[in-house]
Amino acid sequence: MGRPSEIFDPRGVLQMEVQNRRVHTFAAYIDSFNREPGRYFAFKTAWQDFDPVADGFRALFPNLDVVYLDRDHKVEQAVSLFRAKESGVWHQPAIGPMQVPKSVEFNLRRIEDILDELVAEKVQWTAFFTAKEIKPMKLFYETIAQDVRAAVAEIAKQTGMELGRPIGPRVGYVKLADKVSKAWVEQVLKQHLQLT
């Protein structure tokens, strides 16, 4: 299934990929992925990064299958995203040295801003899927966190893709949420529910 990357993210991945691929136009950039070996090309994207190509996506990816990753617990997602942005630690592979995030102070306003952005992004994706008559496979973060191997197998089944090799037992990531995250989620919920 390849190694999905955020190839449209202009804040980092796209810039690095453009340098690595030694391309100068967007067409050459996309074509460079097409020339890679393998039957499948996968990428992940946020709405803000996909929006510039949304109108022409069928010309770029005529056989596109969409897997929409959602999350049941938006406040937990906002807290997680805030901590990642502030600490610089976005994920921790199951295998490898543990990263030590820098200390982060709770900031209700910033977490609420991120929560608003997450809700707006969901609205934009929903509108896009409706306008383009796309029925994505829907997958929840909580399902992946519970059993990443089953989630990947289900993606392969739903999209008709073949797994290149069996999924190992230690694939995936360590959950970064901890008791600090839980306390912050409770603080946000308390504020939103006007509890004392």
C-alpha atoms as a PDB file:
ATOM      1  CA  MET A   1       0.000   0.000   0.000  1.00  0.00           C
ATOM      2  CA  GLY A   2       3.017   2.274   0.036  1.00  0.00           C
ATOM      3  CA  ARG A   3       3.944   4.782   2.718  1.00  0.00           C
ATOM      4  CA  PRO A   4       1.303   7.526   2.737  1.00  0.00           C
ATOM      5  CA  SER A   5       2.849  10.958   3.183  1.00  0.00           C
ATOM      6  CA  GLU A   6       1.443  14.488   3.343  1.00  0.00           C
ATOM      7  CA  ILE A   7       2.681  15.337  -0.149  1.00  0.00           C
ATOM      8  CA  PHE A   8       0.528  18.476  -0.418  1.00  0.00           C
ATOM      9  CA  ASP A   9       1.656  19.982   2.910  1.00  0.00           C
ATOM     10  CA  PRO A  10       3.440  23.227   1.925  1.00  0.00           C
ATOM     11  CA  ARG A  11       4.704  23.717   5.483  1.00  0.00           C
ATOM     12  CA  GLY A  12       7.266  20.933   5.202  1.00  0.00           C
ATOM     13  CA  VAL A  13       6.692  17.703   3.304  1.00  0.00           C
ATOM     14  CA  LEU A  14       6.028  19.277  -0.095  1.00  0.00           C
ATOM     15  CA  GLN A  15       9.130  21.470   0.120  1.00  0.00           C
ATOM     16  CA  MET A  16      11.310  18.507   1.074  1.00  0.00           C
ATOM     17  CA  GLU A  17       9.816  16.293  -1.656  1.00  0.00           C
ATOM     18  CA  VAL A  18      10.283  18.979  -4.329  1.00  0.00           C
ATOM     19  CA  GLN A  19      13.974  19.205  -3.398  1.00  0.00           C
ATOM     20  CA  ASN A  20      14.438  15.416  -3.282  1.00  0.00           C
ATOM     21  CA  ARG A  21      12.668  14.892  -6.615  1.00  0.00           C
ATOM     22  CA  ARG A  22      14.429  17.830  -8.302  1.00  0.00           C
ATOM     23  CA  VAL A  23      11.258  19.102  -9.974  1.00  0.00           C
ATOM     24  CA  HIS A  24      10.227  22.656 -10.823  1.00  0.00           C
ATOM     25  CA  THR A  25       6.536  22.392 -11.721  1.00  0.00           C
ATOM     26  CA  PHE A  26       3.507  20.906 -10.017  1.00  0.00           C
ATOM     27  CA  ALA A  27       2.884  18.613 -13.020  1.00  0.00           C
ATOM     28  CA  ALA A  28       6.433  17.255 -12.774  1.00  0.00           C
ATOM     29  CA  TYR A  29       5.968  16.837  -9.037  1.00  0.00           C
ATOM     30  CA  ILE A  30       2.843  14.688  -9.433  1.00  0.00           C
ATOM     31  CA  ASP A  31       4.387  12.788 -12.366  1.00  0.00           C
ATOM     32  CA  SER A  32       7.405  11.902 -10.220  1.00  0.00           C
ATOM     33  CA  PHE A  33       5.119   9.882  -7.940  1.00  0.00           C
ATOM     34  CA  ASN A  34       3.545   8.204 -10.964  1.00  0.00           C
ATOM     35  CA  ARG A  35       6.959   6.950 -12.076  1.00  0.00           C
ATOM     36  CA  GLU A  36       7.670   5.212  -8.774  1.00  0.00           C
ATOM     37  CA  PRO A  37       7.533   1.410  -8.750  1.00  0.00           C
ATOM     38  CA  GLY A  38       4.466  -0.278  -7.330  1.00  0.00           C
ATOM     39  CA  ARG A  39       0.814  -0.569  -8.217  1.00  0.00           C
ATOM     40  CA  TYR A  40      -0.509   1.922  -5.717  1.00  0.00           C
ATOM     41  CA  PHE A  41       0.079   5.516  -4.755  1.00  0.00           C
ATOM     42  CA  ALA A  42      -1.276   6.677  -1.415  1.00  0.00           C
ATOM     43  CA  PHE A  43      -1.172  10.025   0.317  1.00  0.00           C
ATOM     44  CA  LYS A  44      -2.734  11.610   3.363  1.00  0.00           C
ATOM     45  CA  THR A  45      -3.893  15.176   3.515  1.00  0.00           C
ATOM     46  CA  ALA A  46      -5.679  17.793   5.567  1.00  0.00           C
ATOM     47  CA  TRP A  47      -8.348  19.927   3.930  1.00  0.00           C
ATOM     48  CA  GLN A  48      -6.231  23.097   3.899  1.00  0.00           C
ATOM     49  CA  ASP A  49      -3.556  21.282   1.866  1.00  0.00           C
ATOM     50  CA  PHE A  50      -5.945  19.481  -0.492  1.00  0.00           C
ATOM     51  CA  ASP A  51      -8.182  22.485  -1.204  1.00  0.00           C
ATOM     52  CA  PRO A  52      -5.922  23.975  -3.946  1.00  0.00           C
ATOM     53  CA  VAL A  53      -6.225  20.757  -6.023  1.00  0.00           C
ATOM     54  CA  ALA A  54      -9.793  19.841  -5.036  1.00  0.00           C
ATOM     55  CA  ASP A  55     -11.394  21.102  -8.253  1.00  0.00           C
ATOM     56  CA  GLY A  56      -8.975  19.200 -10.489  1.00  0.00           C
ATOM     57  CA  PHE A  57      -8.473  16.104  -8.372  1.00  0.00           C
ATOM     58  CA  ARG A  58     -10.138  13.747 -10.909  1.00  0.00           C
ATOM     59  CA  ALA A  59      -7.627  14.760 -13.594  1.00  0.00           C
ATOM     60  CA  LEU A  60      -4.767  14.132 -11.161  1.00  0.00           C
ATOM     61  CA  PHE A  61      -6.169  10.953  -9.621  1.00  0.00           C
ATOM     62  CA  PRO A  62      -8.822   9.415 -11.894  1.00  0.00           C
ATOM     63  CA  ASN A  63      -9.032   6.178  -9.882  1.00  0.00           C
ATOM     64  CA  LEU A  64      -8.949   7.723  -6.439  1.00  0.00           C
ATOM     65  CA  ASP A  65     -10.276   5.737  -3.483  1.00  0.00           C
ATOM     66  CA  VAL A  66     -10.863   7.867  -0.410  1.00  0.00           C
ATOM     67  CA  VAL A  67     -10.474   6.786   3.189  1.00  0.00           C
ATOM     68  CA  TYR A  68     -11.787   9.456   5.533  1.00  0.00           C
ATOM     69  CA  LEU A  69     -10.152   9.363   8.946  1.00  0.00           C
ATOM     70  CA  ASP A  70     -12.391  10.859  11.605  1.00  0.00           C
ATOM     71  CA  ARG A  71     -12.243  11.008  15.368  1.00  0.00           C
ATOM     72  CA  ASP A  72     -15.097  10.549  17.807  1.00  0.00           C
ATOM     73  CA  HIS A  73     -13.509  12.660  20.521  1.00  0.00           C
ATOM     74  CA  LYS A  74     -12.762  16.094  19.076  1.00  0.00           C
ATOM     75  CA  VAL A  75     -11.658  17.646  22.377  1.00  0.00           C
ATOM     76  CA  GLU A  76      -9.070  14.879  22.835  1.00  0.00           C
ATOM     77  CA  GLN A  77      -7.934  15.508  19.262  1.00  0.00           C
ATOM     78  CA  ALA A  78      -7.609  19.252  19.881  1.00  0.00           C
ATOM     79  CA  VAL A  79      -5.585  18.693  23.064  1.00  0.00           C
ATOM     80  CA  SER A  80      -3.365  16.176  21.257  1.00  0.00           C
ATOM     81  CA  LEU A  81      -2.827  18.518  18.311  1.00  0.00           C
ATOM     82  CA  PHE A  82      -2.043  21.444  20.629  1.00  0.00           C
ATOM     83  CA  ARG A  83       0.541  19.410  22.539  1.00  0.00           C
ATOM     84  CA  ALA A  84       2.134  18.162  19.301  1.00  0.00           C
ATOM     85  CA  LYS A  85       2.406  21.669  17.842  1.00  0.00           C
ATOM     86  CA  GLU A  86       3.872  23.078  21.056  1.00  0.00           C
ATOM     87  CA  SER A  87       6.177  20.181  21.989  1.00  0.00           C
ATOM     88  CA  GLY A  88       7.398  19.271  18.500  1.00  0.00           C
ATOM     89  CA  VAL A  89       6.587  15.582  19.057  1.00  0.00           C
ATOM     90  CA  TRP A  90       3.861  14.468  16.648  1.00  0.00           C
ATOM     91  CA  HIS A  91       4.119  10.700  16.969  1.00  0.00           C
ATOM     92  CA  GLN A  92       6.179   7.925  18.515  1.00  0.00           C
ATOM     93  CA  PRO A  93       6.786   4.789  16.424  1.00  0.00           C
ATOM     94  CA  ALA A  94       6.238   1.534  18.317  1.00  0.00           C
ATOM     95  CA  ILE A  95       9.828   0.581  17.521  1.00  0.00           C
ATOM     96  CA  GLY A  96      12.687   3.008  18.128  1.00  0.00           C
ATOM     97  CA  PRO A  97      13.963   5.441  20.732  1.00  0.00           C
ATOM     98  CA  MET A  98      11.420   7.385  22.746  1.00  0.00           C
ATOM     99  CA  GLN A  99      11.249  11.082  21.921  1.00  0.00           C
ATOM    100  CA  VAL A 100      11.209  13.491  24.860  1.00  0.00           C
ATOM    101  CA  PRO A 101       8.763  16.330  24.232  1.00  0.00           C
ATOM    102  CA  LYS A 102       9.485  19.770  25.643  1.00  0.00           C
ATOM    103  CA  SER A 103       7.259  20.910  28.486  1.00  0.00           C
ATOM    104  CA  VAL A 104       4.028  22.610  27.409  1.00  0.00           C
ATOM    105  CA  GLU A 105       1.723  24.890  29.407  1.00  0.00           C
ATOM    106  CA  PHE A 106      -2.067  24.548  29.186  1.00  0.00           C
ATOM    107  CA  ASN A 107      -3.660  27.205  26.953  1.00  0.00           C
ATOM    108  CA  LEU A 108      -7.458  27.019  26.808  1.00  0.00           C
ATOM    109  CA  ARG A 109      -7.809  29.692  24.115  1.00  0.00           C
ATOM    110  CA  ARG A 110      -5.367  27.963  21.745  1.00  0.00           C
ATOM    111  CA  ILE A 111      -7.005  24.567  22.306  1.00  0.00           C
ATOM    112  CA  GLU A 112     -10.424  26.099  21.573  1.00  0.00           C
ATOM    113  CA  ASP A 113      -9.029  27.652  18.370  1.00  0.00           C
ATOM    114  CA  ILE A 114      -7.733  24.233  17.281  1.00  0.00           C
ATOM    115  CA  LEU A 115     -11.100  22.673  18.122  1.00  0.00           C
ATOM    116  CA  ASP A 116     -12.823  25.265  15.910  1.00  0.00           C
ATOM    117  CA  GLU A 117     -10.361  24.476  13.081  1.00  0.00           C
ATOM    118  CA  LEU A 118     -11.063  20.743  13.400  1.00  0.00           C
ATOM    119  CA  VAL A 119     -14.821  21.280  13.225  1.00  0.00           C
ATOM    120  CA  ALA A 120     -14.441  23.610  10.211  1.00  0.00           C
ATOM    121  CA  GLU A 121     -12.229  21.080   8.428  1.00  0.00           C
ATOM    122  CA  LYS A 122     -14.834  18.342   8.930  1.00  0.00           C
ATOM    123  CA  VAL A 123     -17.504  20.618   7.442  1.00  0.00           C
ATOM    124  CA  GLN A 124     -15.270  21.338   4.423  1.00  0.00           C
ATOM    125  CA  TRP A 125     -14.547  17.647   3.772  1.00  0.00           C
ATOM    126  CA  THR A 126     -18.239  16.775   4.120  1.00  0.00           C
ATOM    127  CA  ALA A 127     -19.204  19.500   1.638  1.00  0.00           C
ATOM    128  CA  PHE A 128     -16.501  18.324  -0.796  1.00  0.00           C
ATOM    129  CA  PHE A 129     -17.620  14.685  -0.618  1.00  0.00           C
ATOM    130  CA  THR A 130     -21.241  15.707  -1.159  1.00  0.00           C
ATOM    131  CA  ALA A 131     -20.479  18.072  -4.071  1.00  0.00           C
ATOM    132  CA  LYS A 132     -18.263  15.502  -5.824  1.00  0.00           C
ATOM    133  CA  GLU A 133     -20.566  12.549  -5.015  1.00  0.00           C
ATOM    134  CA  ILE A 134     -17.788  10.706  -3.186  1.00  0.00           C
ATOM    135  CA  LYS A 135     -18.657   8.058  -0.623  1.00  0.00           C
ATOM    136  CA  PRO A 136     -15.424   7.555   1.280  1.00  0.00           C
ATOM    137  CA  MET A 137     -14.611   4.590   3.420  1.00  0.00           C
ATOM    138  CA  LYS A 138     -14.911   6.004   6.926  1.00  0.00           C
ATOM    139  CA  LEU A 139     -12.382   5.014   9.546  1.00  0.00           C
ATOM    140  CA  PHE A 140     -12.109   6.290  13.095  1.00  0.00           C
ATOM    141  CA  TYR A 141      -8.870   7.121  14.888  1.00  0.00           C
ATOM    142  CA  GLU A 142     -10.089   5.151  17.903  1.00  0.00           C
ATOM    143  CA  THR A 143     -10.363   2.021  15.732  1.00  0.00           C
ATOM    144  CA  ILE A 144      -6.805   2.436  14.485  1.00  0.00           C
ATOM    145  CA  ALA A 145      -5.499   3.074  18.014  1.00  0.00           C
ATOM    146  CA  GLN A 146      -7.217  -0.092  19.195  1.00  0.00           C
ATOM    147  CA  ASP A 147      -5.898  -2.380  16.427  1.00  0.00           C
ATOM    148  CA  VAL A 148      -3.839  -0.832  13.628  1.00  0.00           C
ATOM    149  CA  ARG A 149      -3.348  -4.196  11.884  1.00  0.00           C
ATOM    150  CA  ALA A 150      -7.108  -4.786  11.591  1.00  0.00           C
ATOM    151  CA  ALA A 151      -7.624  -1.191  10.385  1.00  0.00           C
ATOM    152  CA  VAL A 152      -4.986  -1.525   7.631  1.00  0.00           C
ATOM    153  CA  ALA A 153      -6.408  -4.897   6.584  1.00  0.00           C
ATOM    154  CA  GLU A 154      -9.876  -3.322   6.335  1.00  0.00           C
ATOM    155  CA  ILE A 155      -8.540  -0.449   4.199  1.00  0.00           C
ATOM    156  CA  ALA A 156      -6.929  -2.994   1.856  1.00  0.00           C
ATOM    157  CA  LYS A 157     -10.163  -4.965   1.641  1.00  0.00           C
ATOM    158  CA  GLN A 158     -12.404  -1.925   1.035  1.00  0.00           C
ATOM    159  CA  THR A 159     -10.148  -0.399  -1.620  1.00  0.00           C
ATOM    160  CA  GLY A 160      -9.163  -3.643  -3.346  1.00  0.00           C
ATOM    161  CA  MET A 161      -5.504  -3.037  -2.609  1.00  0.00           C
ATOM    162  CA  GLU A 162      -3.100  -5.830  -1.825  1.00  0.00           C
ATOM    163  CA  LEU A 163      -0.793  -5.742   1.147  1.00  0.00           C
ATOM    164  CA  GLY A 164       2.842  -6.026   0.078  1.00  0.00           C
ATOM    165  CA  ARG A 165       3.684  -8.119   3.120  1.00  0.00           C
ATOM    166  CA  PRO A 166       2.002  -9.319   6.306  1.00  0.00           C
ATOM    167  CA  ILE A 167       1.527  -6.676   8.958  1.00  0.00           C
ATOM    168  CA  GLY A 168       3.953  -7.266  11.826  1.00  0.00           C
ATOM    169  CA  PRO A 169       2.855  -7.367  15.470  1.00  0.00           C
ATOM    170  CA  ARG A 170       4.738  -4.193  16.499  1.00  0.00           C
ATOM    171  CA  VAL A 171       3.594  -1.939  13.694  1.00  0.00           C
ATOM    172  CA  GLY A 172       2.106   1.460  14.446  1.00  0.00           C
ATOM    173  CA  TYR A 173       2.636   4.072  17.087  1.00  0.00           C
ATOM    174  CA  VAL A 174       2.671   4.484  20.841  1.00  0.00           C
ATOM    175  CA  LYS A 175      -0.241   6.536  22.149  1.00  0.00           C
ATOM    176  CA  LEU A 176       1.135   9.861  23.408  1.00  0.00           C
ATOM    177  CA  ALA A 177      -1.923  10.889  25.420  1.00  0.00           C
ATOM    178  CA  ASP A 178      -1.251  10.628  29.146  1.00  0.00           C
ATOM    179  CA  LYS A 179      -2.668  11.838  32.474  1.00  0.00           C
ATOM    180  CA  VAL A 180      -1.778  15.434  31.544  1.00  0.00           C
ATOM    181  CA  SER A 181      -3.798  15.084  28.326  1.00  0.00           C
ATOM    182  CA  LYS A 182      -6.705  13.617  30.273  1.00  0.00           C
ATOM    183  CA  ALA A 183      -6.642  16.478  32.803  1.00  0.00           C
ATOM    184  CA  TRP A 184      -6.554  19.064  30.001  1.00  0.00           C
ATOM    185  CA  VAL A 185      -9.500  17.398  28.226  1.00  0.00           C
ATOM    186  CA  GLU A 186     -11.436  17.565  31.488  1.00  0.00           C
ATOM    187  CA  GLN A 187     -10.568  21.277  31.855  1.00  0.00           C
ATOM    188  CA  VAL A 188     -11.795  22.044  28.330  1.00  0.00           C
ATOM    189  CA  LEU A 189     -14.995  20.049  28.824  1.00  0.00           C
ATOM    190  CA  LYS A 190     -15.618  21.715  32.181  1.00  0.00           C
ATOM    191  CA  GLN A 191     -15.262  25.144  30.567  1.00  0.00           C
ATOM    192  CA  HIS A 192     -17.553  24.240  27.665  1.00  0.00           C
ATOM    193  CA  LEU A 193     -20.173  22.648  29.870  1.00  0.00           C
ATOM    194  CA  GLN A 194     -19.983  25.597  32.340  1.00  0.00           C
ATOM    195  CA  LEU A 195     -19.297  23.266  35.248  1.00  0.00           C
ATOM    196  CA  THR A 196     -17.861  24.526  38.534  1.00  0.00           C
END
